[in-house]
Amino acid sequence: MTDRTVGSENSGNRTTVRIRLLAVMLILVFMGASIFFVLGPGRLYRREVSVRQLHERSSAYLGHKVTSVGYLVKYGTPHFGDDYSLCEGDPRNLYFAVNPCIAVVAAPSTIDSHISFIYNGTDYEIPLSPCSFSVPCRVVVSGVFVHRGPAADASQYAIEASSVEWHE
């Protein structure tokens, strides 16, 4: 009869151990899901955002990985400001107020082969591109959207580009 009580105590201990393991696993899953949603999925995955949205709601995208489509302009003459910017529309046809642009920061080796326009101080030149002889290509710029602080000679916000690709 003592054997039965020892066997039933072992099965009772096993059940409590299983319940405790299940409770610990549920707590870990709940904590992991909470941390994921507190940090926000935007910090982990790229968001497709227009240049206008970046311009109008800059603070909503700070520190997030973003992907944006537009015309990449390289400023070919010495000037105050950034060397590259991504414009929503064709900069030859639109005024700056209607055509928002955002600075793009990247190594020239990453970005120079995907230029839509080169601004020489007076005119926009179209470099050779895979789209057409006289039509500029749009590009997809992916990277982290950052705030660089107030500066007299540069844009306050920029995309630190990790990749630049042709669009369409």
Protein backbone atom coordinates (compact mmCIF):
# COMPACT_ATOMS: atom_id res chain seq x y z
CA MET A 1 0.00 0.00 0.00
CA THR A 2 2.91 2.35 0.56
CA ASP A 3 3.93 1.80 -3.05
CA ARG A 4 0.66 3.29 -4.30
CA THR A 5 1.07 6.49 -2.30
CA VAL A 6 4.61 6.99 -3.55
CA GLY A 7 3.44 6.48 -7.15
CA SER A 8 0.52 8.88 -6.77
CA GLU A 9 2.81 11.51 -5.17
CA ASN A 10 5.22 11.25 -8.15
CA SER A 11 2.40 11.69 -10.66
CA GLY A 12 1.11 14.69 -8.63
CA ASN A 13 4.59 16.24 -8.65
CA ARG A 14 4.88 15.70 -12.40
CA THR A 15 1.55 17.43 -12.97
CA THR A 16 2.56 20.47 -10.91
CA VAL A 17 5.91 20.67 -12.73
CA ARG A 18 4.12 20.58 -16.08
CA ILE A 19 1.67 23.28 -15.01
CA ARG A 20 4.52 25.49 -13.78
CA LEU A 21 6.47 25.01 -17.06
CA LEU A 22 3.37 25.87 -19.06
CA ALA A 23 2.80 29.00 -16.94
CA VAL A 24 6.43 30.12 -17.41
CA MET A 25 6.20 29.57 -21.17
CA LEU A 26 2.96 31.56 -21.39
CA ILE A 27 4.52 34.42 -19.40
CA LEU A 28 7.56 34.48 -21.71
CA VAL A 29 5.39 34.52 -24.83
CA PHE A 30 3.23 37.31 -23.41
CA MET A 31 6.30 39.38 -22.44
CA GLY A 32 7.88 38.88 -25.87
CA ALA A 33 4.71 39.99 -27.66
CA SER A 34 4.41 43.01 -25.35
CA ILE A 35 8.00 44.10 -25.99
CA PHE A 36 7.51 43.68 -29.76
CA PHE A 37 4.42 45.92 -29.81
CA VAL A 38 5.88 48.47 -27.37
CA LEU A 39 8.92 48.97 -29.60
CA GLY A 40 6.65 49.01 -32.60
CA PRO A 41 6.95 46.92 -35.70
CA GLY A 42 8.03 50.05 -37.61
CA ARG A 43 11.40 49.99 -35.93
CA LEU A 44 12.03 46.47 -37.16
CA TYR A 45 10.53 46.55 -40.65
CA ARG A 46 10.71 49.08 -43.45
CA ARG A 47 7.77 51.35 -44.01
CA GLU A 48 6.86 52.56 -47.48
CA VAL A 49 6.48 56.30 -47.06
CA SER A 50 6.10 59.10 -49.59
CA VAL A 51 8.50 62.03 -49.55
CA ARG A 52 5.53 64.29 -48.75
CA GLN A 53 4.69 62.23 -45.64
CA LEU A 54 8.31 62.42 -44.49
CA HIS A 55 8.21 66.16 -44.99
CA GLU A 56 4.86 66.77 -43.30
CA ARG A 57 5.04 64.25 -40.41
CA SER A 58 8.79 64.03 -39.81
CA SER A 59 8.59 63.22 -36.11
CA ALA A 60 6.42 60.13 -36.74
CA TYR A 61 9.18 58.44 -38.73
CA LEU A 62 12.30 59.38 -36.75
CA GLY A 63 14.55 56.40 -36.18
CA HIS A 64 12.42 54.13 -38.37
CA LYS A 65 13.53 52.23 -41.44
CA VAL A 66 11.75 53.80 -44.39
CA THR A 67 11.48 53.18 -48.12
CA SER A 68 10.60 56.09 -50.36
CA VAL A 69 10.27 56.58 -54.13
CA GLY A 70 11.22 59.72 -56.03
CA TYR A 71 13.75 61.47 -58.24
CA LEU A 72 17.31 61.51 -56.90
CA VAL A 73 19.03 64.84 -57.52
CA LYS A 74 22.78 65.35 -57.23
CA TYR A 75 24.01 68.91 -56.86
CA GLY A 76 27.02 69.16 -59.16
CA THR A 77 28.24 72.63 -58.23
CA PRO A 78 29.68 73.74 -54.90
CA HIS A 79 26.89 75.04 -52.69
CA PHE A 80 25.69 75.18 -49.11
CA GLY A 81 23.59 72.17 -48.27
CA ASP A 82 23.38 68.47 -48.98
CA ASP A 83 24.89 66.81 -52.04
CA TYR A 84 21.86 64.59 -52.72
CA SER A 85 18.12 64.96 -52.26
CA LEU A 86 15.10 62.82 -53.08
CA CYS A 87 12.23 64.80 -54.63
CA GLU A 88 8.66 63.56 -54.91
CA GLY A 89 8.11 64.94 -58.41
CA ASP A 90 10.20 65.99 -61.39
CA PRO A 91 12.11 69.06 -60.12
CA ARG A 92 12.10 70.65 -63.61
CA ASN A 93 8.32 71.01 -63.65
CA LEU A 94 7.33 71.79 -60.07
CA TYR A 95 7.97 74.55 -57.59
CA PHE A 96 9.77 73.59 -54.36
CA ALA A 97 6.67 74.24 -52.22
CA VAL A 98 4.64 71.80 -54.34
CA ASN A 99 7.49 69.32 -54.76
CA PRO A 100 8.87 68.34 -51.36
CA CYS A 101 12.43 67.05 -51.22
CA ILE A 102 14.34 65.30 -48.44
CA ALA A 103 18.11 64.97 -48.06
CA VAL A 104 19.75 61.60 -48.72
CA VAL A 105 23.02 60.69 -47.02
CA ALA A 106 25.06 57.78 -48.37
CA ALA A 107 28.46 56.87 -49.69
CA PRO A 108 28.93 58.11 -53.27
CA SER A 109 29.68 54.54 -54.36
CA THR A 110 26.18 53.51 -53.22
CA ILE A 111 24.27 56.39 -54.71
CA ASP A 112 26.08 57.79 -57.77
CA SER A 113 25.02 55.03 -60.16
CA HIS A 114 21.30 55.79 -59.50
CA ILE A 115 21.12 59.55 -60.11
CA SER A 116 17.95 60.88 -61.80
CA PHE A 117 19.16 64.47 -62.27
CA ILE A 118 22.36 66.46 -61.88
CA TYR A 119 21.76 70.09 -61.00
CA ASN A 120 24.59 72.26 -62.32
CA GLY A 121 23.44 75.52 -60.73
CA THR A 122 21.13 76.62 -63.54
CA ASP A 123 19.70 73.52 -65.25
CA TYR A 124 18.85 69.91 -64.51
CA GLU A 125 20.79 67.42 -66.64
CA ILE A 126 19.61 63.85 -67.13
CA PRO A 127 22.43 61.30 -66.91
CA LEU A 128 22.27 58.06 -68.86
CA SER A 129 19.85 55.70 -67.16
CA PRO A 130 18.13 52.38 -67.85
CA CYS A 131 14.73 54.08 -68.36
CA SER A 132 15.22 56.03 -71.55
CA PHE A 133 17.47 58.51 -73.27
CA SER A 134 15.48 61.62 -72.32
CA VAL A 135 13.29 60.42 -69.45
CA PRO A 136 14.71 60.38 -65.92
CA CYS A 137 14.25 57.28 -63.78
CA ARG A 138 12.69 57.25 -60.36
CA VAL A 139 14.55 55.46 -57.58
CA VAL A 140 13.68 53.60 -54.40
CA VAL A 141 15.73 54.76 -51.41
CA SER A 142 15.75 52.59 -48.28
CA GLY A 143 17.33 53.54 -44.99
CA VAL A 144 16.85 55.07 -41.56
CA PHE A 145 15.10 58.43 -41.27
CA VAL A 146 17.11 60.68 -38.93
CA HIS A 147 16.99 64.14 -37.39
CA ARG A 148 20.34 65.91 -37.72
CA GLY A 149 19.42 68.98 -35.70
CA PRO A 150 19.16 72.57 -36.85
CA ALA A 151 21.76 73.55 -39.41
CA ALA A 152 22.11 76.66 -41.53
CA ASP A 153 23.58 74.87 -44.53
CA ALA A 154 21.85 71.46 -44.56
CA SER A 155 18.48 69.82 -44.22
CA GLN A 156 17.28 69.13 -40.70
CA TYR A 157 16.02 65.65 -41.66
CA ALA A 158 17.60 63.05 -43.90
CA ILE A 159 17.43 59.43 -45.00
CA GLU A 160 20.65 57.57 -44.19
CA ALA A 161 20.43 55.32 -47.23
CA SER A 162 21.43 51.68 -46.96
CA SER A 163 20.28 50.86 -50.51
CA VAL A 164 19.27 52.70 -53.66
CA GLU A 165 17.60 50.90 -56.58
CA TRP A 166 15.85 51.80 -59.81
CA HIS A 167 12.05 51.90 -59.61
CA GLU A 168 9.77 50.20 -62.20
